[in-house]
Amino acid sequence: MIRIDAMWLSAEPVDMRAGPERLLARVVQVFGVAHAHHGYLFANARGTRVKLLMHDGFGLWCASRRLNSGRFVWPVAGGVAPSWTLTQAQFDALMLGLPWQRLHELSAITRA
């Protein structure tokens, strides 16, 4: 299938009508460069849709996901970091609508 070595998330919302070329321009603007085998995630302003842009070394792949109800857990734009790198577990949690930023806290049960 498609190899993804690193996953990046952009905090700034993007217009979901954007195609691969426009998203690639946004990747270069936000991240500086589009690396091969890296995935770049963008969300709309309401947090109900995401787009993944991936450069496989030969061309671009673009995938989207829309939630029928609820929202993706997305960081607030304008914070300290305009982008984050995600682990596979964080990406999986994000796609399910789980609090991906707190996975390390939720991985162990402690006594209060």
PDB file of N, CA and C in Angstrom:
ATOM      1  N   MET A   1       0.846  -1.185   0.000  1.00  0.00           N
ATOM      2  CA  MET A   1       0.000   0.000   0.000  1.00  0.00           C
ATOM      3  C   MET A   1       0.882   1.235   0.000  1.00  0.00           C
ATOM      4  N   ILE A   2       0.416   2.290   0.585  1.00  0.00           N
ATOM      5  CA  ILE A   2       1.143   3.555   0.617  1.00  0.00           C
ATOM      6  C   ILE A   2       1.934   3.626   1.918  1.00  0.00           C
ATOM      7  N   ARG A   3       3.228   3.914   1.806  1.00  0.00           N
ATOM      8  CA  ARG A   3       4.087   4.030   2.989  1.00  0.00           C
ATOM      9  C   ARG A   3       4.061   5.463   3.501  1.00  0.00           C
ATOM     10  N   ILE A   4       3.748   5.619   4.787  1.00  0.00           N
ATOM     11  CA  ILE A   4       3.785   6.934   5.425  1.00  0.00           C
ATOM     12  C   ILE A   4       4.729   6.836   6.616  1.00  0.00           C
ATOM     13  N   ASP A   5       5.852   7.558   6.539  1.00  0.00           N
ATOM     14  CA  ASP A   5       6.862   7.535   7.595  1.00  0.00           C
ATOM     15  C   ASP A   5       6.589   8.548   8.689  1.00  0.00           C
ATOM     16  N   ALA A   6       5.940   9.638   8.359  1.00  0.00           N
ATOM     17  CA  ALA A   6       5.639  10.682   9.343  1.00  0.00           C
ATOM     18  C   ALA A   6       4.300  11.314   8.987  1.00  0.00           C
ATOM     19  N   MET A   7       3.580  11.710  10.020  1.00  0.00           N
ATOM     20  CA  MET A   7       2.268  12.325   9.837  1.00  0.00           C
ATOM     21  C   MET A   7       2.291  13.694  10.506  1.00  0.00           C
ATOM     22  N   TRP A   8       1.885  14.712   9.793  1.00  0.00           N
ATOM     23  CA  TRP A   8       1.867  16.082  10.290  1.00  0.00           C
ATOM     24  C   TRP A   8       0.441  16.611  10.278  1.00  0.00           C
ATOM     25  N   LEU A   9       0.109  17.414  11.273  1.00  0.00           N
ATOM     26  CA  LEU A   9      -1.217  17.992  11.412  1.00  0.00           C
ATOM     27  C   LEU A   9      -1.080  19.506  11.415  1.00  0.00           C
ATOM     28  N   SER A  10      -1.849  20.180  10.582  1.00  0.00           N
ATOM     29  CA  SER A  10      -1.843  21.642  10.527  1.00  0.00           C
ATOM     30  C   SER A  10      -2.996  22.177  11.358  1.00  0.00           C
ATOM     31  N   ALA A  11      -2.721  23.135  12.231  1.00  0.00           N
ATOM     32  CA  ALA A  11      -3.750  23.682  13.105  1.00  0.00           C
ATOM     33  C   ALA A  11      -4.676  24.654  12.382  1.00  0.00           C
ATOM     34  N   GLU A  12      -4.194  25.305  11.354  1.00  0.00           N
ATOM     35  CA  GLU A  12      -5.005  26.284  10.626  1.00  0.00           C
ATOM     36  C   GLU A  12      -6.046  25.567   9.769  1.00  0.00           C
ATOM     37  N   PRO A  13      -7.299  26.025   9.811  1.00  0.00           N
ATOM     38  CA  PRO A  13      -8.326  25.395   8.963  1.00  0.00           C
ATOM     39  C   PRO A  13      -8.072  25.676   7.490  1.00  0.00           C
ATOM     40  N   VAL A  14      -8.576  24.780   6.652  1.00  0.00           N
ATOM     41  CA  VAL A  14      -8.396  24.913   5.212  1.00  0.00           C
ATOM     42  C   VAL A  14      -9.751  24.722   4.534  1.00  0.00           C
ATOM     43  N   ASP A  15      -9.922  25.350   3.391  1.00  0.00           N
ATOM     44  CA  ASP A  15     -11.136  25.207   2.602  1.00  0.00           C
ATOM     45  C   ASP A  15     -11.154  23.789   2.022  1.00  0.00           C
ATOM     46  N   MET A  16     -12.185  23.022   2.306  1.00  0.00           N
ATOM     47  CA  MET A  16     -12.251  21.624   1.864  1.00  0.00           C
ATOM     48  C   MET A  16     -12.464  21.481   0.358  1.00  0.00           C
ATOM     49  N   ARG A  17     -12.704  22.580  -0.340  1.00  0.00           N
ATOM     50  CA  ARG A  17     -12.788  22.517  -1.797  1.00  0.00           C
ATOM     51  C   ARG A  17     -11.398  22.445  -2.426  1.00  0.00           C
ATOM     52  N   ALA A  18     -10.360  22.653  -1.611  1.00  0.00           N
ATOM     53  CA  ALA A  18      -8.983  22.638  -2.111  1.00  0.00           C
ATOM     54  C   ALA A  18      -8.625  21.258  -2.636  1.00  0.00           C
ATOM     55  N   GLY A  19      -8.003  21.252  -3.804  1.00  0.00           N
ATOM     56  CA  GLY A  19      -7.536  20.007  -4.401  1.00  0.00           C
ATOM     57  C   GLY A  19      -6.089  19.742  -4.030  1.00  0.00           C
ATOM     58  N   PRO A  20      -5.491  18.697  -4.586  1.00  0.00           N
ATOM     59  CA  PRO A  20      -4.115  18.330  -4.239  1.00  0.00           C
ATOM     60  C   PRO A  20      -3.093  19.446  -4.475  1.00  0.00           C
ATOM     61  N   GLU A  21      -3.206  20.173  -5.568  1.00  0.00           N
ATOM     62  CA  GLU A  21      -2.226  21.222  -5.863  1.00  0.00           C
ATOM     63  C   GLU A  21      -2.299  22.360  -4.858  1.00  0.00           C
ATOM     64  N   ARG A  22      -3.514  22.763  -4.515  1.00  0.00           N
ATOM     65  CA  ARG A  22      -3.681  23.842  -3.536  1.00  0.00           C
ATOM     66  C   ARG A  22      -3.238  23.394  -2.146  1.00  0.00           C
ATOM     67  N   LEU A  23      -3.530  22.146  -1.799  1.00  0.00           N
ATOM     68  CA  LEU A  23      -3.070  21.622  -0.509  1.00  0.00           C
ATOM     69  C   LEU A  23      -1.554  21.511  -0.477  1.00  0.00           C
ATOM     70  N   LEU A  24      -0.944  21.134  -1.604  1.00  0.00           N
ATOM     71  CA  LEU A  24       0.520  21.064  -1.669  1.00  0.00           C
ATOM     72  C   LEU A  24       1.125  22.444  -1.445  1.00  0.00           C
ATOM     73  N   ALA A  25       0.536  23.470  -2.036  1.00  0.00           N
ATOM     74  CA  ALA A  25       1.015  24.832  -1.806  1.00  0.00           C
ATOM     75  C   ALA A  25       0.896  25.194  -0.331  1.00  0.00           C
ATOM     76  N   ARG A  26      -0.189  24.755   0.305  1.00  0.00           N
ATOM     77  CA  ARG A  26      -0.384  25.012   1.742  1.00  0.00           C
ATOM     78  C   ARG A  26       0.654  24.260   2.584  1.00  0.00           C
ATOM     79  N   VAL A  27       0.969  23.025   2.190  1.00  0.00           N
ATOM     80  CA  VAL A  27       1.996  22.239   2.895  1.00  0.00           C
ATOM     81  C   VAL A  27       3.329  22.979   2.854  1.00  0.00           C
ATOM     82  N   VAL A  28       3.713  23.448   1.677  1.00  0.00           N
ATOM     83  CA  VAL A  28       4.981  24.164   1.537  1.00  0.00           C
ATOM     84  C   VAL A  28       4.953  25.457   2.350  1.00  0.00           C
ATOM     85  N   GLN A  29       3.797  26.129   2.390  1.00  0.00           N
ATOM     86  CA  GLN A  29       3.667  27.357   3.173  1.00  0.00           C
ATOM     87  C   GLN A  29       3.781  27.071   4.676  1.00  0.00           C
ATOM     88  N   VAL A  30       3.089  26.046   5.159  1.00  0.00           N
ATOM     89  CA  VAL A  30       3.047  25.750   6.594  1.00  0.00           C
ATOM     90  C   VAL A  30       4.286  25.004   7.073  1.00  0.00           C
ATOM     91  N   PHE A  31       4.704  23.980   6.313  1.00  0.00           N
ATOM     92  CA  PHE A  31       5.775  23.093   6.766  1.00  0.00           C
ATOM     93  C   PHE A  31       7.126  23.381   6.120  1.00  0.00           C
ATOM     94  N   GLY A  32       7.150  24.213   5.087  1.00  0.00           N
ATOM     95  CA  GLY A  32       8.411  24.554   4.444  1.00  0.00           C
ATOM     96  C   GLY A  32       8.755  23.682   3.255  1.00  0.00           C
ATOM     97  N   VAL A  33       8.383  22.408   3.301  1.00  0.00           N
ATOM     98  CA  VAL A  33       8.696  21.456   2.238  1.00  0.00           C
ATOM     99  C   VAL A  33       7.751  20.271   2.362  1.00  0.00           C
ATOM    100  N   ALA A  34       7.465  19.643   1.241  1.00  0.00           N
ATOM    101  CA  ALA A  34       6.657  18.419   1.253  1.00  0.00           C
ATOM    102  C   ALA A  34       7.602  17.234   1.055  1.00  0.00           C
ATOM    103  N   HIS A  35       7.859  16.496   2.106  1.00  0.00           N
ATOM    104  CA  HIS A  35       8.768  15.347   2.046  1.00  0.00           C
ATOM    105  C   HIS A  35       8.044  14.127   1.489  1.00  0.00           C
ATOM    106  N   ALA A  36       8.777  13.312   0.763  1.00  0.00           N
ATOM    107  CA  ALA A  36       8.215  12.048   0.284  1.00  0.00           C
ATOM    108  C   ALA A  36       7.906  11.148   1.473  1.00  0.00           C
ATOM    109  N   HIS A  37       6.825  10.413   1.394  1.00  0.00           N
ATOM    110  CA  HIS A  37       6.371   9.465   2.417  1.00  0.00           C
ATOM    111  C   HIS A  37       5.974  10.149   3.722  1.00  0.00           C
ATOM    112  N   HIS A  38       5.568  11.407   3.625  1.00  0.00           N
ATOM    113  CA  HIS A  38       5.015  12.123   4.772  1.00  0.00           C
ATOM    114  C   HIS A  38       3.569  12.459   4.446  1.00  0.00           C
ATOM    115  N   GLY A  39       2.705  12.353   5.468  1.00  0.00           N
ATOM    116  CA  GLY A  39       1.303  12.695   5.322  1.00  0.00           C
ATOM    117  C   GLY A  39       1.024  14.017   6.012  1.00  0.00           C
ATOM    118  N   TYR A  40       0.147  14.814   5.441  1.00  0.00           N
ATOM    119  CA  TYR A  40      -0.191  16.133   5.970  1.00  0.00           C
ATOM    120  C   TYR A  40      -1.706  16.216   6.130  1.00  0.00           C
ATOM    121  N   LEU A  41      -2.157  16.456   7.370  1.00  0.00           N
ATOM    122  CA  LEU A  41      -3.582  16.504   7.698  1.00  0.00           C
ATOM    123  C   LEU A  41      -4.068  17.939   7.846  1.00  0.00           C
ATOM    124  N   PHE A  42      -5.232  18.196   7.263  1.00  0.00           N
ATOM    125  CA  PHE A  42      -5.882  19.496   7.359  1.00  0.00           C
ATOM    126  C   PHE A  42      -7.347  19.276   7.720  1.00  0.00           C
ATOM    127  N   ALA A  43      -7.941  20.252   8.421  1.00  0.00           N
ATOM    128  CA  ALA A  43      -9.363  20.178   8.768  1.00  0.00           C
ATOM    129  C   ALA A  43     -10.060  21.455   8.324  1.00  0.00           C
ATOM    130  N   ASN A  44     -11.385  21.370   8.203  1.00  0.00           N
ATOM    131  CA  ASN A  44     -12.159  22.576   7.923  1.00  0.00           C
ATOM    132  C   ASN A  44     -12.365  23.349   9.225  1.00  0.00           C
ATOM    133  N   ALA A  45     -12.927  24.536   9.123  1.00  0.00           N
ATOM    134  CA  ALA A  45     -13.090  25.404  10.296  1.00  0.00           C
ATOM    135  C   ALA A  45     -14.006  24.791  11.350  1.00  0.00           C
ATOM    136  N   ARG A  46     -15.017  24.024  10.943  1.00  0.00           N
ATOM    137  CA  ARG A  46     -15.949  23.416  11.905  1.00  0.00           C
ATOM    138  C   ARG A  46     -15.413  22.124  12.512  1.00  0.00           C
ATOM    139  N   GLY A  47     -14.360  21.564  11.948  1.00  0.00           N
ATOM    140  CA  GLY A  47     -13.799  20.324  12.472  1.00  0.00           C
ATOM    141  C   GLY A  47     -14.595  19.083  12.128  1.00  0.00           C
ATOM    142  N   THR A  48     -15.415  19.161  11.079  1.00  0.00           N
ATOM    143  CA  THR A  48     -16.230  18.012  10.696  1.00  0.00           C
ATOM    144  C   THR A  48     -15.653  17.248   9.505  1.00  0.00           C
ATOM    145  N   ARG A  49     -14.630  17.823   8.870  1.00  0.00           N
ATOM    146  CA  ARG A  49     -13.993  17.180   7.718  1.00  0.00           C
ATOM    147  C   ARG A  49     -12.482  17.289   7.842  1.00  0.00           C
ATOM    148  N   VAL A  50     -11.788  16.273   7.363  1.00  0.00           N
ATOM    149  CA  VAL A  50     -10.330  16.310   7.283  1.00  0.00           C
ATOM    150  C   VAL A  50      -9.900  15.861   5.895  1.00  0.00           C
ATOM    151  N   LYS A  51      -8.751  16.359   5.488  1.00  0.00           N
ATOM    152  CA  LYS A  51      -8.116  15.924   4.251  1.00  0.00           C
ATOM    153  C   LYS A  51      -6.685  15.533   4.576  1.00  0.00           C
ATOM    154  N   LEU A  52      -6.252  14.452   3.957  1.00  0.00           N
ATOM    155  CA  LEU A  52      -4.884  13.966   4.098  1.00  0.00           C
ATOM    156  C   LEU A  52      -4.222  14.073   2.735  1.00  0.00           C
ATOM    157  N   LEU A  53      -3.093  14.758   2.695  1.00  0.00           N
ATOM    158  CA  LEU A  53      -2.294  14.848   1.477  1.00  0.00           C
ATOM    159  C   LEU A  53      -1.009  14.080   1.728  1.00  0.00           C
ATOM    160  N   MET A  54      -0.658  13.199   0.803  1.00  0.00           N
ATOM    161  CA  MET A  54       0.542  12.383   0.963  1.00  0.00           C
ATOM    162  C   MET A  54       1.330  12.405  -0.336  1.00  0.00           C
ATOM    163  N   HIS A  55       2.631  12.629  -0.198  1.00  0.00           N
ATOM    164  CA  HIS A  55       3.544  12.620  -1.343  1.00  0.00           C
ATOM    165  C   HIS A  55       4.300  11.298  -1.287  1.00  0.00           C
ATOM    166  N   ASP A  56       4.140  10.454  -2.314  1.00  0.00           N
ATOM    167  CA  ASP A  56       4.772   9.130  -2.297  1.00  0.00           C
ATOM    168  C   ASP A  56       6.111   9.083  -3.030  1.00  0.00           C
ATOM    169  N   GLY A  57       6.623  10.231  -3.435  1.00  0.00           N
ATOM    170  CA  GLY A  57       7.880  10.278  -4.155  1.00  0.00           C
ATOM    171  C   GLY A  57       7.686  10.396  -5.657  1.00  0.00           C
ATOM    172  N   PHE A  58       6.499  10.047  -6.145  1.00  0.00           N
ATOM    173  CA  PHE A  58       6.191  10.114  -7.569  1.00  0.00           C
ATOM    174  C   PHE A  58       5.016  11.041  -7.860  1.00  0.00           C
ATOM    175  N   GLY A  59       4.119  11.161  -6.914  1.00  0.00           N
ATOM    176  CA  GLY A  59       2.925  11.974  -7.101  1.00  0.00           C
ATOM    177  C   GLY A  59       2.239  12.217  -5.775  1.00  0.00           C
ATOM    178  N   LEU A  60       1.041  12.763  -5.847  1.00  0.00           N
ATOM    179  CA  LEU A  60       0.289  13.113  -4.646  1.00  0.00           C
ATOM    180  C   LEU A  60      -0.926  12.214  -4.497  1.00  0.00           C
ATOM    181  N   TRP A  61      -1.242  11.875  -3.259  1.00  0.00           N
ATOM    182  CA  TRP A  61      -2.466  11.172  -2.892  1.00  0.00           C
ATOM    183  C   TRP A  61      -3.257  12.126  -2.012  1.00  0.00           C
ATOM    184  N   CYS A  62      -4.544  12.183  -2.222  1.00  0.00           N
ATOM    185  CA  CYS A  62      -5.407  13.042  -1.418  1.00  0.00           C
ATOM    186  C   CYS A  62      -6.626  12.229  -0.989  1.00  0.00           C
ATOM    187  N   ALA A  63      -6.861  12.187   0.304  1.00  0.00           N
ATOM    188  CA  ALA A  63      -8.013  11.461   0.847  1.00  0.00           C
ATOM    189  C   ALA A  63      -8.761  12.388   1.790  1.00  0.00           C
ATOM    190  N   SER A  64     -10.054  12.165   1.915  1.00  0.00           N
ATOM    191  CA  SER A  64     -10.846  12.991   2.827  1.00  0.00           C
ATOM    192  C   SER A  64     -11.755  12.105   3.668  1.00  0.00           C
ATOM    193  N   ARG A  65     -12.139  12.650   4.810  1.00  0.00           N
ATOM    194  CA  ARG A  65     -13.065  11.962   5.705  1.00  0.00           C
ATOM    195  C   ARG A  65     -14.018  13.000   6.271  1.00  0.00           C
ATOM    196  N   ARG A  66     -15.290  12.633   6.335  1.00  0.00           N
ATOM    197  CA  ARG A  66     -16.325  13.522   6.851  1.00  0.00           C
ATOM    198  C   ARG A  66     -17.070  12.798   7.947  1.00  0.00           C
ATOM    199  N   LEU A  67     -17.350  13.503   9.043  1.00  0.00           N
ATOM    200  CA  LEU A  67     -18.147  12.943  10.124  1.00  0.00           C
ATOM    201  C   LEU A  67     -19.601  13.341   9.930  1.00  0.00           C
ATOM    202  N   ASN A  68     -20.501  12.398  10.125  1.00  0.00           N
ATOM    203  CA  ASN A  68     -21.927  12.692  10.040  1.00  0.00           C
ATOM    204  C   ASN A  68     -22.419  13.413  11.281  1.00  0.00           C
ATOM    205  N   SER A  69     -21.783  13.139  12.413  1.00  0.00           N
ATOM    206  CA  SER A  69     -22.113  13.845  13.652  1.00  0.00           C
ATOM    207  C   SER A  69     -20.841  13.979  14.477  1.00  0.00           C
ATOM    208  N   GLY A  70     -20.800  15.003  15.298  1.00  0.00           N
ATOM    209  CA  GLY A  70     -19.614  15.254  16.109  1.00  0.00           C
ATOM    210  C   GLY A  70     -18.534  15.978  15.332  1.00  0.00           C
ATOM    211  N   ARG A  71     -17.379  16.110  15.986  1.00  0.00           N
ATOM    212  CA  ARG A  71     -16.249  16.830  15.394  1.00  0.00           C
ATOM    213  C   ARG A  71     -14.953  16.079  15.674  1.00  0.00           C
ATOM    214  N   PHE A  72     -13.979  16.312  14.811  1.00  0.00           N
ATOM    215  CA  PHE A  72     -12.637  15.792  15.068  1.00  0.00           C
ATOM    216  C   PHE A  72     -12.013  16.618  16.179  1.00  0.00           C
ATOM    217  N   VAL A  73     -11.223  15.988  17.033  1.00  0.00           N
ATOM    218  CA  VAL A  73     -10.525  16.698  18.110  1.00  0.00           C
ATOM    219  C   VAL A  73      -9.313  17.367  17.458  1.00  0.00           C
ATOM    220  N   TRP A  74      -9.408  18.676  17.271  1.00  0.00           N
ATOM    221  CA  TRP A  74      -8.378  19.416  16.531  1.00  0.00           C
ATOM    222  C   TRP A  74      -7.789  20.491  17.417  1.00  0.00           C
ATOM    223  N   PRO A  75      -6.492  20.734  17.344  1.00  0.00           N
ATOM    224  CA  PRO A  75      -5.894  21.807  18.148  1.00  0.00           C
ATOM    225  C   PRO A  75      -6.383  23.175  17.690  1.00  0.00           C
ATOM    226  N   VAL A  76      -6.343  24.126  18.581  1.00  0.00           N
ATOM    227  CA  VAL A  76      -6.788  25.483  18.269  1.00  0.00           C
ATOM    228  C   VAL A  76      -5.690  26.184  17.483  1.00  0.00           C
ATOM    229  N   ALA A  77      -6.053  26.786  16.373  1.00  0.00           N
ATOM    230  CA  ALA A  77      -5.091  27.535  15.570  1.00  0.00           C
ATOM    231  C   ALA A  77      -4.639  28.773  16.328  1.00  0.00           C
ATOM    232  N   GLY A  78      -3.438  29.223  16.040  1.00  0.00           N
ATOM    233  CA  GLY A  78      -2.916  30.417  16.685  1.00  0.00           C
ATOM    234  C   GLY A  78      -2.184  30.118  17.973  1.00  0.00           C
ATOM    235  N   GLY A  79      -2.026  28.856  18.300  1.00  0.00           N
ATOM    236  CA  GLY A  79      -1.304  28.468  19.494  1.00  0.00           C
ATOM    237  C   GLY A  79       0.195  28.556  19.279  1.00  0.00           C
ATOM    238  N   VAL A  80       0.941  27.916  20.151  1.00  0.00           N
ATOM    239  CA  VAL A  80       2.400  27.950  20.090  1.00  0.00           C
ATOM    240  C   VAL A  80       2.899  27.253  18.827  1.00  0.00           C
ATOM    241  N   ALA A  81       2.357  26.084  18.521  1.00  0.00           N
ATOM    242  CA  ALA A  81       2.816  25.325  17.361  1.00  0.00           C
ATOM    243  C   ALA A  81       1.770  25.364  16.254  1.00  0.00           C
ATOM    244  N   PRO A  82       2.160  25.788  15.041  1.00  0.00           N
ATOM    245  CA  PRO A  82       1.198  25.791  13.939  1.00  0.00           C
ATOM    246  C   PRO A  82       0.966  24.393  13.382  1.00  0.00           C
ATOM    247  N   SER A  83       1.815  23.446  13.770  1.00  0.00           N
ATOM    248  CA  SER A  83       1.691  22.071  13.279  1.00  0.00           C
ATOM    249  C   SER A  83       2.234  21.106  14.319  1.00  0.00           C
ATOM    250  N   TRP A  84       1.772  19.863  14.238  1.00  0.00           N
ATOM    251  CA  TRP A  84       2.209  18.810  15.142  1.00  0.00           C
ATOM    252  C   TRP A  84       2.572  17.581  14.326  1.00  0.00           C
ATOM    253  N   THR A  85       3.471  16.792  14.866  1.00  0.00           N
ATOM    254  CA  THR A  85       3.741  15.492  14.276  1.00  0.00           C
ATOM    255  C   THR A  85       2.936  14.466  15.068  1.00  0.00           C
ATOM    256  N   LEU A  86       2.361  13.503  14.395  1.00  0.00           N
ATOM    257  CA  LEU A  86       1.501  12.512  15.026  1.00  0.00           C
ATOM    258  C   LEU A  86       2.111  11.124  14.922  1.00  0.00           C
ATOM    259  N   THR A  87       1.932  10.326  15.962  1.00  0.00           N
ATOM    260  CA  THR A  87       2.286   8.918  15.900  1.00  0.00           C
ATOM    261  C   THR A  87       1.134   8.164  15.235  1.00  0.00           C
ATOM    262  N   GLN A  88       1.366   6.901  14.916  1.00  0.00           N
ATOM    263  CA  GLN A  88       0.301   6.100  14.316  1.00  0.00           C
ATOM    264  C   GLN A  88      -0.887   5.988  15.275  1.00  0.00           C
ATOM    265  N   ALA A  89      -0.607   5.800  16.568  1.00  0.00           N
ATOM    266  CA  ALA A  89      -1.681   5.688  17.561  1.00  0.00           C
ATOM    267  C   ALA A  89      -2.468   6.991  17.665  1.00  0.00           C
ATOM    268  N   GLN A  90      -1.779   8.138  17.618  1.00  0.00           N
ATOM    269  CA  GLN A  90      -2.477   9.423  17.674  1.00  0.00           C
ATOM    270  C   GLN A  90      -3.336   9.632  16.431  1.00  0.00           C
ATOM    271  N   PHE A  91      -2.820   9.265  15.267  1.00  0.00           N
ATOM    272  CA  PHE A  91      -3.595   9.376  14.029  1.00  0.00           C
ATOM    273  C   PHE A  91      -4.846   8.516  14.104  1.00  0.00           C
ATOM    274  N   ASP A  92      -4.698   7.265  14.560  1.00  0.00           N
ATOM    275  CA  ASP A  92      -5.845   6.364  14.684  1.00  0.00           C
ATOM    276  C   ASP A  92      -6.894   6.941  15.630  1.00  0.00           C
ATOM    277  N   ALA A  93      -6.442   7.485  16.772  1.00  0.00           N
ATOM    278  CA  ALA A  93      -7.368   8.080  17.742  1.00  0.00           C
ATOM    279  C   ALA A  93      -8.062   9.304  17.146  1.00  0.00           C
ATOM    280  N   LEU A  94      -7.311  10.140  16.430  1.00  0.00           N
ATOM    281  CA  LEU A  94      -7.887  11.326  15.796  1.00  0.00           C
ATOM    282  C   LEU A  94      -8.990  10.936  14.827  1.00  0.00           C
ATOM    283  N   MET A  95      -8.758   9.922  14.007  1.00  0.00           N
ATOM    284  CA  MET A  95      -9.755   9.501  13.019  1.00  0.00           C
ATOM    285  C   MET A  95     -11.005   8.917  13.665  1.00  0.00           C
ATOM    286  N   LEU A  96     -10.882   8.428  14.906  1.00  0.00           N
ATOM    287  CA  LEU A  96     -12.041   7.913  15.636  1.00  0.00           C
ATOM    288  C   LEU A  96     -12.729   8.988  16.481  1.00  0.00           C
ATOM    289  N   GLY A  97     -12.135  10.184  16.532  1.00  0.00           N
ATOM    290  CA  GLY A  97     -12.717  11.268  17.323  1.00  0.00           C
ATOM    291  C   GLY A  97     -12.327  11.226  18.785  1.00  0.00           C
ATOM    292  N   LEU A  98     -11.268  10.496  19.116  1.00  0.00           N
ATOM    293  CA  LEU A  98     -10.801  10.384  20.498  1.00  0.00           C
ATOM    294  C   LEU A  98      -9.786  11.486  20.818  1.00  0.00           C
ATOM    295  N   PRO A  99      -9.550  11.758  22.116  1.00  0.00           N
ATOM    296  CA  PRO A  99      -8.605  12.816  22.497  1.00  0.00           C
ATOM    297  C   PRO A  99      -7.161  12.369  22.264  1.00  0.00           C
ATOM    298  N   TRP A 100      -6.675  12.498  21.052  1.00  0.00           N
ATOM    299  CA  TRP A 100      -5.361  12.005  20.658  1.00  0.00           C
ATOM    300  C   TRP A 100      -4.208  12.696  21.384  1.00  0.00           C
ATOM    301  N   GLN A 101      -4.408  13.951  21.851  1.00  0.00           N
ATOM    302  CA  GLN A 101      -3.349  14.677  22.553  1.00  0.00           C
ATOM    303  C   GLN A 101      -3.064  14.077  23.933  1.00  0.00           C
ATOM    304  N   ARG A 102      -4.015  13.302  24.476  1.00  0.00           N
ATOM    305  CA  ARG A 102      -3.879  12.770  25.832  1.00  0.00           C
ATOM    306  C   ARG A 102      -3.629  11.266  25.854  1.00  0.00           C
ATOM    307  N   LEU A 103      -3.226  10.665  24.760  1.00  0.00           N
ATOM    308  CA  LEU A 103      -3.042   9.215  24.720  1.00  0.00           C
ATOM    309  C   LEU A 103      -2.040   8.722  25.756  1.00  0.00           C
ATOM    310  N   HIS A 104      -0.963   9.467  25.969  1.00  0.00           N
ATOM    311  CA  HIS A 104       0.034   9.033  26.951  1.00  0.00           C
ATOM    312  C   HIS A 104      -0.551   9.007  28.363  1.00  0.00           C
ATOM    313  N   GLU A 105      -1.455   9.950  28.684  1.00  0.00           N
ATOM    314  CA  GLU A 105      -2.103   9.970  29.995  1.00  0.00           C
ATOM    315  C   GLU A 105      -3.099   8.823  30.148  1.00  0.00           C
ATOM    316  N   LEU A 106      -3.774   8.485  29.066  1.00  0.00           N
ATOM    317  CA  LEU A 106      -4.820   7.488  29.116  1.00  0.00           C
ATOM    318  C   LEU A 106      -4.289   6.058  29.004  1.00  0.00           C
ATOM    319  N   SER A 107      -3.001   5.899  28.738  1.00  0.00           N
ATOM    320  CA  SER A 107      -2.450   4.563  28.535  1.00  0.00           C
ATOM    321  C   SER A 107      -2.180   3.809  29.832  1.00  0.00           C
ATOM    322  N   ALA A 108      -2.252   4.481  30.967  1.00  0.00           N
ATOM    323  CA  ALA A 108      -2.024   3.822  32.258  1.00  0.00           C
ATOM    324  C   ALA A 108      -3.108   4.198  33.251  1.00  0.00           C
ATOM    325  N   ILE A 109      -3.491   3.239  34.084  1.00  0.00           N
ATOM    326  CA  ILE A 109      -4.483   3.497  35.124  1.00  0.00           C
ATOM    327  C   ILE A 109      -3.727   3.655  36.433  1.00  0.00           C
ATOM    328  N   THR A 110      -3.995   4.750  37.125  1.00  0.00           N
ATOM    329  CA  THR A 110      -3.311   5.015  38.394  1.00  0.00           C
ATOM    330  C   THR A 110      -4.330   5.206  39.515  1.00  0.00           C
ATOM    331  N   ARG A 111      -3.848   5.110  40.722  1.00  0.00           N
ATOM    332  CA  ARG A 111      -4.706   5.325  41.887  1.00  0.00           C
ATOM    333  C   ARG A 111      -4.576   6.771  42.310  1.00  0.00           C
ATOM    334  N   ALA A 112      -5.697   7.414  42.522  1.00  0.00           N
ATOM    335  CA  ALA A 112      -5.682   8.840  42.896  1.00  0.00           C
ATOM    336  C   ALA A 112      -5.380   9.022  44.362  1.00  0.00           C
TER     337      ALA A 112
END
